[in-house]
Each structure stands twice: as structure tokens, then as C-alpha cells.
Protein backbone atom coordinates (compact mmCIF):
# COMPACT_ATOMS: atom_id res chain seq x y z
CA UNK A 1 72.87 179.43 208.14
CA UNK A 2 70.73 176.34 207.61
CA UNK A 3 71.56 174.31 204.52
CA UNK A 4 68.94 173.88 201.81
CA UNK A 5 68.15 170.47 200.35
CA UNK A 6 69.98 171.50 197.17
CA UNK A 7 73.16 172.49 199.02
CA UNK A 8 73.03 169.30 201.12
CA UNK A 9 72.81 167.21 197.98
CA UNK A 10 75.59 169.08 196.16
CA UNK A 11 78.03 168.77 199.06
CA UNK A 12 77.17 165.12 199.51
CA UNK A 13 77.59 164.45 195.80
CA UNK A 14 81.20 165.64 195.94
CA UNK A 15 82.02 163.49 198.96
CA UNK A 16 80.26 160.47 197.53
CA UNK A 17 82.05 160.69 194.18
CA UNK A 18 85.44 160.88 195.91
CA UNK A 19 84.57 157.99 198.20
CA UNK A 20 83.24 155.74 195.41
CA UNK A 21 86.32 156.40 193.29
CA UNK A 22 88.48 155.13 196.15
CA UNK A 23 86.20 152.12 196.64
CA UNK A 24 86.43 151.16 192.96
CA UNK A 25 90.21 151.46 192.99
CA UNK A 26 90.61 149.39 196.15
CA UNK A 27 88.21 146.69 194.98
CA UNK A 28 89.95 146.40 191.62
CA UNK A 29 93.39 146.32 193.27
CA UNK A 30 92.13 143.47 195.44
CA UNK A 31 90.96 141.59 192.34
CA UNK A 32 87.32 142.05 193.31
CA UNK A 33 84.30 143.28 191.39
CA UNK A 34 83.11 146.61 192.89
CA UNK A 35 79.53 145.38 192.43
CA UNK A 36 80.20 142.74 195.10
CA UNK A 37 80.45 145.38 197.83
CA UNK A 38 77.41 146.82 199.62
CA UNK A 39 77.91 150.37 200.89
CA UNK A 40 75.66 151.26 203.82
CA UNK A 41 75.29 155.00 204.33
CA UNK A 42 75.20 155.57 208.09
CA UNK A 43 72.84 158.50 208.54
CA UNK A 44 72.71 158.41 212.34
CA UNK A 45 72.34 161.83 214.02
CA UNK A 46 71.73 163.50 210.64
CA UNK A 47 68.28 164.88 209.79
CA UNK A 48 66.09 162.97 207.36
CA UNK A 49 66.98 165.53 204.65
CA UNK A 50 70.48 164.04 204.55
CA UNK A 51 69.21 160.48 204.33
CA UNK A 52 66.87 161.54 201.51
CA UNK A 53 69.73 163.25 199.65
CA UNK A 54 71.86 160.12 199.91
CA UNK A 55 69.12 157.96 198.42
CA UNK A 56 68.61 160.45 195.58
CA UNK A 57 72.34 160.16 194.85
CA UNK A 58 72.12 156.39 194.58
CA UNK A 59 72.86 155.18 198.12
CA UNK A 60 70.39 152.29 198.28
CA UNK A 61 71.26 151.08 201.79
CA UNK A 62 71.01 153.21 204.93
CA UNK A 63 72.09 152.28 208.45
CA UNK A 64 71.03 153.58 211.85
CA UNK A 65 72.19 152.87 215.38
CA UNK A 66 68.91 153.49 217.15
CA UNK A 67 65.54 151.89 216.52
CA UNK A 68 63.55 155.07 217.14
CA UNK A 69 65.67 157.15 214.76
CA UNK A 70 65.53 154.48 212.07
CA UNK A 71 61.75 154.16 212.21
CA UNK A 72 61.26 157.93 212.17
CA UNK A 73 63.45 158.41 209.09
CA UNK A 74 61.98 155.38 207.37
CA UNK A 75 58.48 156.78 207.79
CA UNK A 76 59.49 160.23 206.56
CA UNK A 77 61.34 158.93 203.49
CA UNK A 78 58.50 156.60 202.57
CA UNK A 79 56.06 159.52 202.67
CA UNK A 80 58.25 161.10 199.99
CA UNK A 81 58.40 157.92 197.91
CA UNK A 82 61.91 156.77 198.89
CA UNK A 83 62.39 153.12 199.88
CA UNK A 84 66.03 152.32 200.68
CA UNK A 85 67.01 149.11 202.41
CA UNK A 86 67.43 149.80 206.13
CA UNK A 87 70.08 148.24 208.34
CA UNK A 88 70.20 148.34 212.13
CA UNK A 89 73.87 148.55 213.02
CA UNK A 90 73.79 149.66 216.67
CA UNK A 91 73.14 147.89 219.93
CA UNK A 92 69.63 146.45 220.02
CA UNK A 93 67.82 146.11 223.34
CA UNK A 94 65.44 143.19 223.68
CA UNK A 95 62.54 145.51 224.54
CA UNK A 96 62.93 147.22 221.13
CA UNK A 97 62.96 144.04 219.05
CA UNK A 98 59.20 143.99 218.43
CA UNK A 99 59.37 147.45 216.85
CA UNK A 100 62.15 146.62 214.42
CA UNK A 101 60.86 143.29 213.06
CA UNK A 102 59.73 143.76 209.46
CA UNK A 103 61.28 147.23 209.20
CA UNK A 104 64.87 146.34 208.31
CA UNK A 105 66.65 144.26 205.70
CA UNK A 106 69.38 143.20 208.10
CA UNK A 107 70.24 143.45 211.80
CA UNK A 108 74.04 143.61 212.07
CA UNK A 109 74.40 143.78 215.84
CA UNK A 110 73.15 140.54 217.39
CA UNK A 111 75.47 140.26 220.38
CA UNK A 112 73.92 137.57 222.61
CA UNK A 113 71.98 134.32 222.46
CA UNK A 114 69.21 136.01 224.45
CA UNK A 115 68.81 138.70 221.81
CA UNK A 116 68.92 136.14 219.00
CA UNK A 117 66.15 134.18 220.71
CA UNK A 118 64.01 137.29 221.14
CA UNK A 119 64.40 138.22 217.47
CA UNK A 120 63.49 134.68 216.48
CA UNK A 121 60.40 134.58 218.70
CA UNK A 122 59.16 138.00 217.57
CA UNK A 123 59.77 137.13 213.93
CA UNK A 124 57.85 133.89 214.25
CA UNK A 125 54.94 135.77 215.84
CA UNK A 126 54.98 138.20 212.90
CA UNK A 127 55.09 135.38 210.35
CA UNK A 128 58.51 136.30 208.99
CA UNK A 129 62.18 135.36 209.10
CA UNK A 130 64.68 138.09 209.96
CA UNK A 131 68.17 138.22 208.46
CA UNK A 132 70.84 138.87 211.12
CA UNK A 133 74.58 138.93 211.65
CA UNK A 134 76.47 137.84 214.75
CA UNK A 135 78.52 140.71 216.17
CA UNK A 136 81.98 139.46 217.18
CA UNK A 137 84.21 141.33 219.64
CA UNK A 138 87.47 140.30 217.97
CA UNK A 139 89.62 142.78 219.89
CA UNK A 140 88.04 141.73 223.22
CA UNK A 141 87.48 145.32 224.30
CA UNK A 142 85.38 145.64 227.44
CA UNK A 143 83.66 148.71 225.99
CA UNK A 144 82.32 146.73 223.02
CA UNK A 145 79.42 144.33 222.82
CA UNK A 146 79.57 141.03 220.98
CA UNK A 147 80.20 137.33 221.00
CA UNK A 148 83.65 135.91 221.59
CA UNK A 149 85.50 134.22 218.75
CA UNK A 150 84.42 130.79 220.00
CA UNK A 151 80.69 131.53 220.36
CA UNK A 152 79.49 131.38 216.72
CA UNK A 153 80.13 127.65 216.42
CA UNK A 154 77.89 126.95 219.42
CA UNK A 155 75.15 129.26 218.13
CA UNK A 156 75.18 127.79 214.64
CA UNK A 157 75.19 124.19 215.84
CA UNK A 158 71.94 125.03 217.62
CA UNK A 159 70.39 127.00 214.78
CA UNK A 160 67.20 124.93 215.04
CA UNK A 161 66.53 126.75 218.32
CA UNK A 162 66.12 130.00 216.34
CA UNK A 163 63.67 129.26 213.49
CA UNK A 164 62.68 132.91 213.10
CA UNK A 165 66.14 134.11 212.04
CA UNK A 166 68.54 133.49 209.18
CA UNK A 167 72.10 134.08 210.34
CA UNK A 168 73.79 135.46 207.23
CA UNK A 169 77.33 136.10 208.49
CA UNK A 170 79.45 138.11 210.90
CA UNK A 171 80.04 141.72 211.89
CA UNK A 172 82.77 143.48 213.84
CA UNK A 173 84.21 146.89 214.65
CA UNK A 174 87.90 147.72 214.77
CA UNK A 175 89.29 149.64 217.76
CA UNK A 176 89.02 153.41 217.39
CA UNK A 177 91.86 154.08 219.83
CA UNK A 178 95.24 152.34 219.49
CA UNK A 179 95.51 148.98 221.23
CA UNK A 180 97.11 145.58 220.70
CA UNK A 181 94.79 144.97 217.75
CA UNK A 182 95.14 146.98 214.55
CA UNK A 183 92.13 147.26 212.20
CA UNK A 184 93.90 144.92 209.77
CA UNK A 185 94.34 142.27 212.47
CA UNK A 186 90.68 142.52 213.49
CA UNK A 187 89.41 142.23 209.93
CA UNK A 188 91.69 139.35 209.02
CA UNK A 189 90.64 137.40 212.13
CA UNK A 190 86.96 137.97 211.35
CA UNK A 191 87.44 136.78 207.77
CA UNK A 192 89.22 133.65 208.99
CA UNK A 193 86.42 132.99 211.49
CA UNK A 194 83.86 133.55 208.73
CA UNK A 195 85.53 130.97 206.48
CA UNK A 196 85.93 128.40 209.27
CA UNK A 197 82.34 128.77 210.38
CA UNK A 198 81.02 128.31 206.85
CA UNK A 199 81.82 124.60 207.22
CA UNK A 200 79.18 124.07 209.94
CA UNK A 201 76.27 126.23 208.78
CA UNK A 202 73.13 124.45 207.63
CA UNK A 203 72.80 126.54 204.47
CA UNK A 204 76.23 127.70 203.23
CA UNK A 205 74.60 129.54 200.33
CA UNK A 206 73.17 132.03 202.86
CA UNK A 207 76.47 132.52 204.69
CA UNK A 208 77.58 135.43 202.54
CA UNK A 209 77.93 138.61 204.61
CA UNK A 210 81.05 140.00 206.24
CA UNK A 211 80.19 143.42 207.67
CA UNK A 212 83.28 145.36 208.70
CA UNK A 213 84.84 148.72 208.03
CA UNK A 214 83.78 152.31 208.62
CA UNK A 215 84.93 155.67 207.24
CA UNK A 216 88.29 155.55 209.01
CA UNK A 217 89.21 151.96 208.12
CA UNK A 218 87.09 150.75 205.19
CA UNK A 219 90.12 150.44 202.88
CA UNK A 220 91.65 147.81 205.16
CA UNK A 221 88.27 146.11 205.40
CA UNK A 222 87.96 145.89 201.62
CA UNK A 223 91.44 144.40 201.39
CA UNK A 224 90.40 141.78 203.97
CA UNK A 225 87.26 140.73 202.12
CA UNK A 226 84.43 142.85 203.53
CA UNK A 227 81.14 142.44 201.68
CA UNK A 228 79.39 145.28 203.56
CA UNK A 229 80.97 148.49 204.82
CA UNK A 230 79.23 151.02 207.09
CA UNK A 231 80.08 154.57 206.02
CA UNK A 232 79.05 157.77 207.79
CA UNK A 233 81.51 160.68 207.61
CA UNK A 234 82.88 159.85 204.14
CA UNK A 235 79.35 160.28 202.72
CA UNK A 236 77.48 162.59 205.08
CA UNK A 237 80.34 164.70 206.38
CA UNK A 238 81.46 165.31 209.97
CA UNK A 239 78.87 165.21 212.74
CA UNK A 240 78.59 168.37 214.83
């Protein structure tokens, strides 16, 4: 039986309240102000009704993996008068960059100098500057995209080559399957890299975002200093 918009919202409200209670507790236990954390509701693969329900419940930031899905939901929600901040969190192909410029608050998944250059060029052509994060493959998994731990310094020392972007920080994903790296190890290494790299950025006041942690590991991410967490299942429920 297909869920109604009312039932979708009620079920989501219960999950969201439970999740936010945990977030508040963990932030306070870490000596942090809960207001310092940005929760991104990851609505990928869910219909626009779910994204709309999340916004109605106070989720102001939504994340999508795919450009086409993001633009479709953005258009549908805006027709209904809903204007959340959109985040692209999945792999971005260079041939899709033109479509996404001006449609997101933040691109989390910049994983190569070539992609960074394309975003910069397209942003300059559109008369804007796009906020981005450098995706770091801390655990060095072959299945994951991202820069190595030594790449950010090179990129940031040549920031003048990318005038159409503002690099705001770093992003990573912890391994889903067990390996030599635990989520805690990944998050701690990213935080250390974030702090080291702050010393060489042109505008330290913009170097503020540490995007790490998903439904299965966001508690560890909070304890390690995450400023942005990307939450799907804990808000929207399991994907079928």
C-alpha cells in the first residue's frame, strides 16, 4: 500500500526526533554546541515526497548523489515553495558540471584536479564562485574516489589556478566493510589533515567544513569534530 504524505511525515518525524536527540547528547558530551553541526538529509533514491516531508520537519539541508536526481527534486520542491540548501555528495562527472553550477550550496565530492578546474571554469563563465570540498580517500580503498592525504597541500598552494571555486574544507567516507581502518581512525586522520592544511590556505576564515559521518558512523564523526554529517537511513528510513 502506497504511503500518503501524512504517513510519510509522521514516520519521518519519529525517526528524526530520535536521531536529533542522539545528536544533541553526543555534541554536548563532546563539549560542542549542537548548533555548530549541519545535518544533511540524504534523500537519494527516495521520491520527492520524502524530501518535501523532511524540509517540512525542519531539515534545511538536503544531499543527493546524482546531478539529475538533485535537479529534478529541486525543481519539484521549488514549485511547492520549499527552498532547502542542496548539497551534491556523490561522484561528479566533468560533463555534468555545467548543470550543477548555481544549483547547489556545496559540492562535497571534488576528487581530482581536473574536476576542480572544470568547476572553476564553469563557475567563472556563469559569473559565480562555487563552494567545494576536497574528497580525501583516507583509507586508500581502490573502490573509493578521492585525493590522497598528500594532495590537498599541492592543490591549495595553487589555489590561484582555480579562481571560480572556494575550497571550504575536506570530506571523507569511512569503510563500510571491515578493513585496516576503523571509522574512528579515518575521521581522526581527516581532522588532523584539516588542521594541518589550515596553515597554508589563503583565507583561513573560509576553511571551516569537515564533512564526515553517515547513519552508521555519525556518532564517531561527531566525536572527531565533524561539522557536517550526511544522514540517509536515520532520517528517511531503509531504502528498498
